[in-house]
Amino acid sequence: MKIKEKEFEEILQELKSVADQLGASVRFEKGDFKGGYCIIHDKKVIVINKMTNVQKKVMILSTALKELGIDSIFITPRVREIIDEMAAIT
């Protein structure tokens, strides 16, 4: 799937809403890390380096959502395809 550069910000917002459906919060923090899924004080958290470009943020968030398991919730086919494709790249 070909994604235009300006679409990545919209996709990022859609992926954040998927994370909400799964009960995970998404945090953008500074630091020497790429990011990913973790559990902090019994809460699901996806941490992403805020200094990373938008395309990489989408890739990291997609991978984390795959780890959380997206099969049990409704996601539009387009968003599901984006998650599958982006998670395969990382």
PDB file of N, CA and C in Angstrom:
ATOM      1  N   MET A   1       0.844  -1.175   0.000  1.00  0.00           N
ATOM      2  CA  MET A   1       0.000   0.000   0.000  1.00  0.00           C
ATOM      3  C   MET A   1       0.888   1.237   0.000  1.00  0.00           C
ATOM      4  N   LYS A   2       0.599   2.153  -0.864  1.00  0.00           N
ATOM      5  CA  LYS A   2       1.354   3.398  -0.956  1.00  0.00           C
ATOM      6  C   LYS A   2       0.664   4.445  -0.100  1.00  0.00           C
ATOM      7  N   ILE A   3       1.401   5.010   0.840  1.00  0.00           N
ATOM      8  CA  ILE A   3       0.860   6.031   1.730  1.00  0.00           C
ATOM      9  C   ILE A   3       1.589   7.338   1.464  1.00  0.00           C
ATOM     10  N   LYS A   4       0.813   8.396   1.242  1.00  0.00           N
ATOM     11  CA  LYS A   4       1.405   9.707   1.010  1.00  0.00           C
ATOM     12  C   LYS A   4       1.918  10.274   2.326  1.00  0.00           C
ATOM     13  N   GLU A   5       2.958  11.065   2.233  1.00  0.00           N
ATOM     14  CA  GLU A   5       3.616  11.624   3.429  1.00  0.00           C
ATOM     15  C   GLU A   5       2.634  12.382   4.320  1.00  0.00           C
ATOM     16  N   LYS A   6       1.745  13.162   3.718  1.00  0.00           N
ATOM     17  CA  LYS A   6       0.816  13.964   4.523  1.00  0.00           C
ATOM     18  C   LYS A   6      -0.275  13.123   5.190  1.00  0.00           C
ATOM     19  N   GLU A   7      -0.442  11.862   4.781  1.00  0.00           N
ATOM     20  CA  GLU A   7      -1.441  10.988   5.387  1.00  0.00           C
ATOM     21  C   GLU A   7      -0.971  10.387   6.715  1.00  0.00           C
ATOM     22  N   PHE A   8       0.318  10.377   6.964  1.00  0.00           N
ATOM     23  CA  PHE A   8       0.852   9.713   8.147  1.00  0.00           C
ATOM     24  C   PHE A   8       0.331  10.313   9.450  1.00  0.00           C
ATOM     25  N   GLU A   9       0.141  11.618   9.509  1.00  0.00           N
ATOM     26  CA  GLU A   9      -0.367  12.253  10.732  1.00  0.00           C
ATOM     27  C   GLU A   9      -1.793  11.776  11.024  1.00  0.00           C
ATOM     28  N   GLU A  10      -2.616  11.685   9.979  1.00  0.00           N
ATOM     29  CA  GLU A  10      -3.986  11.184  10.130  1.00  0.00           C
ATOM     30  C   GLU A  10      -3.981   9.717  10.569  1.00  0.00           C
ATOM     31  N   ILE A  11      -3.111   8.931   9.980  1.00  0.00           N
ATOM     32  CA  ILE A  11      -2.993   7.518  10.335  1.00  0.00           C
ATOM     33  C   ILE A  11      -2.565   7.376  11.792  1.00  0.00           C
ATOM     34  N   LEU A  12      -1.634   8.217  12.225  1.00  0.00           N
ATOM     35  CA  LEU A  12      -1.169   8.183  13.613  1.00  0.00           C
ATOM     36  C   LEU A  12      -2.345   8.401  14.571  1.00  0.00           C
ATOM     37  N   GLN A  13      -3.216   9.338  14.246  1.00  0.00           N
ATOM     38  CA  GLN A  13      -4.386   9.605  15.089  1.00  0.00           C
ATOM     39  C   GLN A  13      -5.329   8.402  15.112  1.00  0.00           C
ATOM     40  N   GLU A  14      -5.520   7.766  13.960  1.00  0.00           N
ATOM     41  CA  GLU A  14      -6.378   6.584  13.889  1.00  0.00           C
ATOM     42  C   GLU A  14      -5.792   5.446  14.734  1.00  0.00           C
ATOM     43  N   LEU A  15      -4.480   5.273  14.674  1.00  0.00           N
ATOM     44  CA  LEU A  15      -3.831   4.220  15.451  1.00  0.00           C
ATOM     45  C   LEU A  15      -3.920   4.507  16.949  1.00  0.00           C
ATOM     46  N   LYS A  16      -3.844   5.783  17.326  1.00  0.00           N
ATOM     47  CA  LYS A  16      -3.989   6.140  18.737  1.00  0.00           C
ATOM     48  C   LYS A  16      -5.387   5.787  19.234  1.00  0.00           C
ATOM     49  N   SER A  17      -6.408   5.941  18.392  1.00  0.00           N
ATOM     50  CA  SER A  17      -7.763   5.579  18.806  1.00  0.00           C
ATOM     51  C   SER A  17      -7.908   4.060  18.922  1.00  0.00           C
ATOM     52  N   VAL A  18      -7.193   3.302  18.102  1.00  0.00           N
ATOM     53  CA  VAL A  18      -7.182   1.842  18.228  1.00  0.00           C
ATOM     54  C   VAL A  18      -6.558   1.457  19.568  1.00  0.00           C
ATOM     55  N   ALA A  19      -5.474   2.133  19.933  1.00  0.00           N
ATOM     56  CA  ALA A  19      -4.830   1.877  21.228  1.00  0.00           C
ATOM     57  C   ALA A  19      -5.816   2.146  22.363  1.00  0.00           C
ATOM     58  N   ASP A  20      -6.602   3.207  22.252  1.00  0.00           N
ATOM     59  CA  ASP A  20      -7.622   3.513  23.268  1.00  0.00           C
ATOM     60  C   ASP A  20      -8.624   2.371  23.387  1.00  0.00           C
ATOM     61  N   GLN A  21      -9.051   1.836  22.235  1.00  0.00           N
ATOM     62  CA  GLN A  21     -10.005   0.716  22.236  1.00  0.00           C
ATOM     63  C   GLN A  21      -9.423  -0.495  22.964  1.00  0.00           C
ATOM     64  N   LEU A  22      -8.112  -0.662  22.868  1.00  0.00           N
ATOM     65  CA  LEU A  22      -7.441  -1.796  23.509  1.00  0.00           C
ATOM     66  C   LEU A  22      -7.072  -1.508  24.966  1.00  0.00           C
ATOM     67  N   GLY A  23      -7.388  -0.307  25.439  1.00  0.00           N
ATOM     68  CA  GLY A  23      -7.097   0.046  26.825  1.00  0.00           C
ATOM     69  C   GLY A  23      -5.656   0.438  27.072  1.00  0.00           C
ATOM     70  N   ALA A  24      -4.969   0.859  26.022  1.00  0.00           N
ATOM     71  CA  ALA A  24      -3.562   1.261  26.154  1.00  0.00           C
ATOM     72  C   ALA A  24      -3.436   2.772  25.948  1.00  0.00           C
ATOM     73  N   SER A  25      -2.598   3.391  26.740  1.00  0.00           N
ATOM     74  CA  SER A  25      -2.335   4.810  26.532  1.00  0.00           C
ATOM     75  C   SER A  25      -1.075   4.954  25.680  1.00  0.00           C
ATOM     76  N   VAL A  26      -1.036   6.012  24.886  1.00  0.00           N
ATOM     77  CA  VAL A  26       0.116   6.289  24.028  1.00  0.00           C
ATOM     78  C   VAL A  26       0.796   7.533  24.561  1.00  0.00           C
ATOM     79  N   ARG A  27       2.101   7.400  24.833  1.00  0.00           N
ATOM     80  CA  ARG A  27       2.876   8.527  25.347  1.00  0.00           C
ATOM     81  C   ARG A  27       4.036   8.821  24.414  1.00  0.00           C
ATOM     82  N   PHE A  28       4.251  10.097  24.165  1.00  0.00           N
ATOM     83  CA  PHE A  28       5.386  10.547  23.361  1.00  0.00           C
ATOM     84  C   PHE A  28       6.372  11.217  24.308  1.00  0.00           C
ATOM     85  N   GLU A  29       7.547  10.615  24.437  1.00  0.00           N
ATOM     86  CA  GLU A  29       8.547  11.082  25.398  1.00  0.00           C
ATOM     87  C   GLU A  29       9.894  11.287  24.716  1.00  0.00           C
ATOM     88  N   LYS A  30      10.746  12.104  25.351  1.00  0.00           N
ATOM     89  CA  LYS A  30      12.119  12.278  24.869  1.00  0.00           C
ATOM     90  C   LYS A  30      13.009  11.247  25.530  1.00  0.00           C
ATOM     91  N   GLY A  31      14.028  10.825  24.802  1.00  0.00           N
ATOM     92  CA  GLY A  31      14.980   9.892  25.387  1.00  0.00           C
ATOM     93  C   GLY A  31      15.760   9.146  24.331  1.00  0.00           C
ATOM     94  N   ASP A  32      16.603   8.255  24.785  1.00  0.00           N
ATOM     95  CA  ASP A  32      17.463   7.469  23.896  1.00  0.00           C
ATOM     96  C   ASP A  32      16.835   6.085  23.698  1.00  0.00           C
ATOM     97  N   PHE A  33      15.717   6.045  22.991  1.00  0.00           N
ATOM     98  CA  PHE A  33      15.002   4.800  22.740  1.00  0.00           C
ATOM     99  C   PHE A  33      14.140   4.977  21.490  1.00  0.00           C
ATOM    100  N   LYS A  34      13.702   3.856  20.918  1.00  0.00           N
ATOM    101  CA  LYS A  34      12.788   3.910  19.777  1.00  0.00           C
ATOM    102  C   LYS A  34      11.348   3.939  20.265  1.00  0.00           C
ATOM    103  N   GLY A  35      11.023   2.995  21.124  1.00  0.00           N
ATOM    104  CA  GLY A  35       9.671   2.937  21.662  1.00  0.00           C
ATOM    105  C   GLY A  35       9.085   1.555  21.535  1.00  0.00           C
ATOM    106  N   GLY A  36       7.900   1.394  22.111  1.00  0.00           N
ATOM    107  CA  GLY A  36       7.211   0.126  22.051  1.00  0.00           C
ATOM    108  C   GLY A  36       6.207  -0.020  23.170  1.00  0.00           C
ATOM    109  N   TYR A  37       5.687  -1.239  23.292  1.00  0.00           N
ATOM    110  CA  TYR A  37       4.647  -1.561  24.265  1.00  0.00           C
ATOM    111  C   TYR A  37       5.266  -2.041  25.573  1.00  0.00           C
ATOM    112  N   CYS A  38       4.710  -1.583  26.684  1.00  0.00           N
ATOM    113  CA  CYS A  38       5.152  -2.063  27.985  1.00  0.00           C
ATOM    114  C   CYS A  38       3.999  -1.928  28.978  1.00  0.00           C
ATOM    115  N   ILE A  39       4.209  -2.478  30.161  1.00  0.00           N
ATOM    116  CA  ILE A  39       3.217  -2.366  31.225  1.00  0.00           C
ATOM    117  C   ILE A  39       3.855  -1.603  32.378  1.00  0.00           C
ATOM    118  N   ILE A  40       3.190  -0.527  32.793  1.00  0.00           N
ATOM    119  CA  ILE A  40       3.683   0.297  33.895  1.00  0.00           C
ATOM    120  C   ILE A  40       2.571   0.361  34.946  1.00  0.00           C
ATOM    121  N   HIS A  41       2.858  -0.139  36.133  1.00  0.00           N
ATOM    122  CA  HIS A  41       1.874  -0.152  37.227  1.00  0.00           C
ATOM    123  C   HIS A  41       0.544  -0.752  36.769  1.00  0.00           C
ATOM    124  N   ASP A  42       0.605  -1.916  36.149  1.00  0.00           N
ATOM    125  CA  ASP A  42      -0.576  -2.657  35.678  1.00  0.00           C
ATOM    126  C   ASP A  42      -1.358  -1.942  34.578  1.00  0.00           C
ATOM    127  N   LYS A  43      -0.759  -0.971  33.916  1.00  0.00           N
ATOM    128  CA  LYS A  43      -1.427  -0.263  32.821  1.00  0.00           C
ATOM    129  C   LYS A  43      -0.654  -0.484  31.531  1.00  0.00           C
ATOM    130  N   LYS A  44      -1.398  -0.707  30.445  1.00  0.00           N
ATOM    131  CA  LYS A  44      -0.783  -0.888  29.134  1.00  0.00           C
ATOM    132  C   LYS A  44      -0.361   0.480  28.601  1.00  0.00           C
ATOM    133  N   VAL A  45       0.896   0.597  28.242  1.00  0.00           N
ATOM    134  CA  VAL A  45       1.437   1.872  27.762  1.00  0.00           C
ATOM    135  C   VAL A  45       2.264   1.621  26.509  1.00  0.00           C
ATOM    136  N   ILE A  46       2.065   2.467  25.534  1.00  0.00           N
ATOM    137  CA  ILE A  46       2.907   2.450  24.335  1.00  0.00           C
ATOM    138  C   ILE A  46       3.693   3.752  24.368  1.00  0.00           C
ATOM    139  N   VAL A  47       5.002   3.626  24.483  1.00  0.00           N
ATOM    140  CA  VAL A  47       5.871   4.801  24.565  1.00  0.00           C
ATOM    141  C   VAL A  47       6.589   4.945  23.231  1.00  0.00           C
ATOM    142  N   ILE A  48       6.562   6.167  22.697  1.00  0.00           N
ATOM    143  CA  ILE A  48       7.195   6.458  21.412  1.00  0.00           C
ATOM    144  C   ILE A  48       8.084   7.677  21.584  1.00  0.00           C
ATOM    145  N   ASN A  49       9.278   7.615  21.019  1.00  0.00           N
ATOM    146  CA  ASN A  49      10.194   8.750  21.080  1.00  0.00           C
ATOM    147  C   ASN A  49       9.603   9.892  20.253  1.00  0.00           C
ATOM    148  N   LYS A  50       9.370  11.021  20.911  1.00  0.00           N
ATOM    149  CA  LYS A  50       8.722  12.132  20.211  1.00  0.00           C
ATOM    150  C   LYS A  50       9.644  12.829  19.208  1.00  0.00           C
ATOM    151  N   MET A  51      10.931  12.519  19.247  1.00  0.00           N
ATOM    152  CA  MET A  51      11.869  13.121  18.297  1.00  0.00           C
ATOM    153  C   MET A  51      11.913  12.342  16.966  1.00  0.00           C
ATOM    154  N   THR A  52      11.215  11.215  16.900  1.00  0.00           N
ATOM    155  CA  THR A  52      11.186  10.377  15.710  1.00  0.00           C
ATOM    156  C   THR A  52      10.228  10.972  14.682  1.00  0.00           C
ATOM    157  N   ASN A  53      10.495  10.732  13.396  1.00  0.00           N
ATOM    158  CA  ASN A  53       9.594  11.256  12.364  1.00  0.00           C
ATOM    159  C   ASN A  53       8.253  10.515  12.398  1.00  0.00           C
ATOM    160  N   VAL A  54       7.246  11.101  11.770  1.00  0.00           N
ATOM    161  CA  VAL A  54       5.882  10.589  11.847  1.00  0.00           C
ATOM    162  C   VAL A  54       5.778   9.175  11.272  1.00  0.00           C
ATOM    163  N   GLN A  55       6.468   8.903  10.183  1.00  0.00           N
ATOM    164  CA  GLN A  55       6.402   7.575   9.575  1.00  0.00           C
ATOM    165  C   GLN A  55       6.920   6.508  10.544  1.00  0.00           C
ATOM    166  N   LYS A  56       8.012   6.794  11.226  1.00  0.00           N
ATOM    167  CA  LYS A  56       8.572   5.846  12.193  1.00  0.00           C
ATOM    168  C   LYS A  56       7.636   5.679  13.398  1.00  0.00           C
ATOM    169  N   LYS A  57       6.978   6.770  13.810  1.00  0.00           N
ATOM    170  CA  LYS A  57       6.004   6.688  14.906  1.00  0.00           C
ATOM    171  C   LYS A  57       4.872   5.734  14.534  1.00  0.00           C
ATOM    172  N   VAL A  58       4.403   5.826  13.285  1.00  0.00           N
ATOM    173  CA  VAL A  58       3.342   4.937  12.802  1.00  0.00           C
ATOM    174  C   VAL A  58       3.824   3.494  12.823  1.00  0.00           C
ATOM    175  N   MET A  59       5.065   3.255  12.425  1.00  0.00           N
ATOM    176  CA  MET A  59       5.616   1.903  12.415  1.00  0.00           C
ATOM    177  C   MET A  59       5.711   1.335  13.832  1.00  0.00           C
ATOM    178  N   ILE A  60       6.203   2.122  14.765  1.00  0.00           N
ATOM    179  CA  ILE A  60       6.353   1.678  16.156  1.00  0.00           C
ATOM    180  C   ILE A  60       4.988   1.402  16.773  1.00  0.00           C
ATOM    181  N   LEU A  61       4.042   2.309  16.550  1.00  0.00           N
ATOM    182  CA  LEU A  61       2.704   2.136  17.102  1.00  0.00           C
ATOM    183  C   LEU A  61       2.014   0.912  16.492  1.00  0.00           C
ATOM    184  N   SER A  62       2.190   0.691  15.205  1.00  0.00           N
ATOM    185  CA  SER A  62       1.604  -0.481  14.541  1.00  0.00           C
ATOM    186  C   SER A  62       2.146  -1.771  15.132  1.00  0.00           C
ATOM    187  N   THR A  63       3.444  -1.830  15.344  1.00  0.00           N
ATOM    188  CA  THR A  63       4.070  -3.011  15.933  1.00  0.00           C
ATOM    189  C   THR A  63       3.539  -3.260  17.341  1.00  0.00           C
ATOM    190  N   ALA A  64       3.413  -2.202  18.122  1.00  0.00           N
ATOM    191  CA  ALA A  64       2.903  -2.336  19.487  1.00  0.00           C
ATOM    192  C   ALA A  64       1.454  -2.817  19.481  1.00  0.00           C
ATOM    193  N   LEU A  65       0.653  -2.322  18.559  1.00  0.00           N
ATOM    194  CA  LEU A  65      -0.741  -2.746  18.483  1.00  0.00           C
ATOM    195  C   LEU A  65      -0.857  -4.214  18.095  1.00  0.00           C
ATOM    196  N   LYS A  66       0.029  -4.672  17.229  1.00  0.00           N
ATOM    197  CA  LYS A  66       0.049  -6.097  16.866  1.00  0.00           C
ATOM    198  C   LYS A  66       0.379  -6.935  18.099  1.00  0.00           C
ATOM    199  N   GLU A  67       1.316  -6.463  18.917  1.00  0.00           N
ATOM    200  CA  GLU A  67       1.674  -7.162  20.156  1.00  0.00           C
ATOM    201  C   GLU A  67       0.482  -7.250  21.107  1.00  0.00           C
ATOM    202  N   LEU A  68      -0.287  -6.165  21.184  1.00  0.00           N
ATOM    203  CA  LEU A  68      -1.443  -6.132  22.073  1.00  0.00           C
ATOM    204  C   LEU A  68      -2.553  -7.067  21.587  1.00  0.00           C
ATOM    205  N   GLY A  69      -2.619  -7.275  20.271  1.00  0.00           N
ATOM    206  CA  GLY A  69      -3.649  -8.142  19.700  1.00  0.00           C
ATOM    207  C   GLY A  69      -4.841  -7.349  19.211  1.00  0.00           C
ATOM    208  N   ILE A  70      -4.965  -7.222  17.912  1.00  0.00           N
ATOM    209  CA  ILE A  70      -6.040  -6.418  17.331  1.00  0.00           C
ATOM    210  C   ILE A  70      -7.177  -7.266  16.776  1.00  0.00           C
ATOM    211  N   ASP A  71      -7.100  -8.580  16.955  1.00  0.00           N
ATOM    212  CA  ASP A  71      -8.099  -9.466  16.361  1.00  0.00           C
ATOM    213  C   ASP A  71      -9.466  -9.383  17.042  1.00  0.00           C
ATOM    214  N   SER A  72      -9.510  -8.974  18.288  1.00  0.00           N
ATOM    215  CA  SER A  72     -10.762  -9.000  19.047  1.00  0.00           C
ATOM    216  C   SER A  72     -11.590  -7.718  18.935  1.00  0.00           C
ATOM    217  N   ILE A  73     -11.088  -6.703  18.210  1.00  0.00           N
ATOM    218  CA  ILE A  73     -11.837  -5.447  18.090  1.00  0.00           C
ATOM    219  C   ILE A  73     -12.074  -5.117  16.625  1.00  0.00           C
ATOM    220  N   PHE A  74     -13.070  -4.260  16.373  1.00  0.00           N
ATOM    221  CA  PHE A  74     -13.332  -3.847  15.001  1.00  0.00           C
ATOM    222  C   PHE A  74     -12.382  -2.720  14.616  1.00  0.00           C
ATOM    223  N   ILE A  75     -11.722  -2.922  13.507  1.00  0.00           N
ATOM    224  CA  ILE A  75     -10.858  -1.903  12.916  1.00  0.00           C
ATOM    225  C   ILE A  75     -11.186  -1.887  11.430  1.00  0.00           C
ATOM    226  N   THR A  76     -11.253  -0.708  10.845  1.00  0.00           N
ATOM    227  CA  THR A  76     -11.538  -0.645   9.416  1.00  0.00           C
ATOM    228  C   THR A  76     -10.481  -1.431   8.643  1.00  0.00           C
ATOM    229  N   PRO A  77     -10.870  -2.030   7.543  1.00  0.00           N
ATOM    230  CA  PRO A  77      -9.903  -2.824   6.766  1.00  0.00           C
ATOM    231  C   PRO A  77      -8.653  -2.039   6.383  1.00  0.00           C
ATOM    232  N   ARG A  78      -8.802  -0.769   6.066  1.00  0.00           N
ATOM    233  CA  ARG A  78      -7.645   0.063   5.684  1.00  0.00           C
ATOM    234  C   ARG A  78      -6.654   0.187   6.845  1.00  0.00           C
ATOM    235  N   VAL A  79      -7.168   0.466   8.039  1.00  0.00           N
ATOM    236  CA  VAL A  79      -6.302   0.619   9.212  1.00  0.00           C
ATOM    237  C   VAL A  79      -5.659  -0.720   9.564  1.00  0.00           C
ATOM    238  N   ARG A  80      -6.420  -1.802   9.465  1.00  0.00           N
ATOM    239  CA  ARG A  80      -5.876  -3.135   9.740  1.00  0.00           C
ATOM    240  C   ARG A  80      -4.741  -3.459   8.760  1.00  0.00           C
ATOM    241  N   GLU A  81      -4.933  -3.100   7.498  1.00  0.00           N
ATOM    242  CA  GLU A  81      -3.891  -3.329   6.482  1.00  0.00           C
ATOM    243  C   GLU A  81      -2.643  -2.511   6.777  1.00  0.00           C
ATOM    244  N   ILE A  82      -2.843  -1.256   7.208  1.00  0.00           N
ATOM    245  CA  ILE A  82      -1.712  -0.390   7.549  1.00  0.00           C
ATOM    246  C   ILE A  82      -0.940  -0.990   8.723  1.00  0.00           C
ATOM    247  N   ILE A  83      -1.669  -1.446   9.755  1.00  0.00           N
ATOM    248  CA  ILE A  83      -1.005  -2.049  10.918  1.00  0.00           C
ATOM    249  C   ILE A  83      -0.199  -3.265  10.501  1.00  0.00           C
ATOM    250  N   ASP A  84      -0.814  -4.144   9.708  1.00  0.00           N
ATOM    251  CA  ASP A  84      -0.108  -5.354   9.267  1.00  0.00           C
ATOM    252  C   ASP A  84       1.134  -5.020   8.450  1.00  0.00           C
ATOM    253  N   GLU A  85       0.982  -4.069   7.547  1.00  0.00           N
ATOM    254  CA  GLU A  85       2.112  -3.707   6.660  1.00  0.00           C
ATOM    255  C   GLU A  85       3.242  -3.014   7.429  1.00  0.00           C
ATOM    256  N   MET A  86       2.883  -2.063   8.279  1.00  0.00           N
ATOM    257  CA  MET A  86       3.901  -1.315   9.022  1.00  0.00           C
ATOM    258  C   MET A  86       4.608  -2.201  10.049  1.00  0.00           C
ATOM    259  N   ALA A  87       3.851  -3.085  10.699  1.00  0.00           N
ATOM    260  CA  ALA A  87       4.453  -3.980  11.693  1.00  0.00           C
ATOM    261  C   ALA A  87       5.415  -4.952  11.023  1.00  0.00           C
ATOM    262  N   ALA A  88       5.145  -5.316   9.788  1.00  0.00           N
ATOM    263  CA  ALA A  88       6.034  -6.245   9.060  1.00  0.00           C
ATOM    264  C   ALA A  88       7.361  -5.585   8.692  1.00  0.00           C
ATOM    265  N   ILE A  89       7.364  -4.278   8.561  1.00  0.00           N
ATOM    266  CA  ILE A  89       8.587  -3.550   8.168  1.00  0.00           C
ATOM    267  C   ILE A  89       9.577  -3.496   9.312  1.00  0.00           C
ATOM    268  N   THR A  90       9.092  -3.329  10.559  1.00  0.00           N
ATOM    269  CA  THR A  90      10.016  -3.167  11.689  1.00  0.00           C
ATOM    270  C   THR A  90      10.644  -4.430  12.125  1.00  0.00           C
TER     271      THR A  90
END
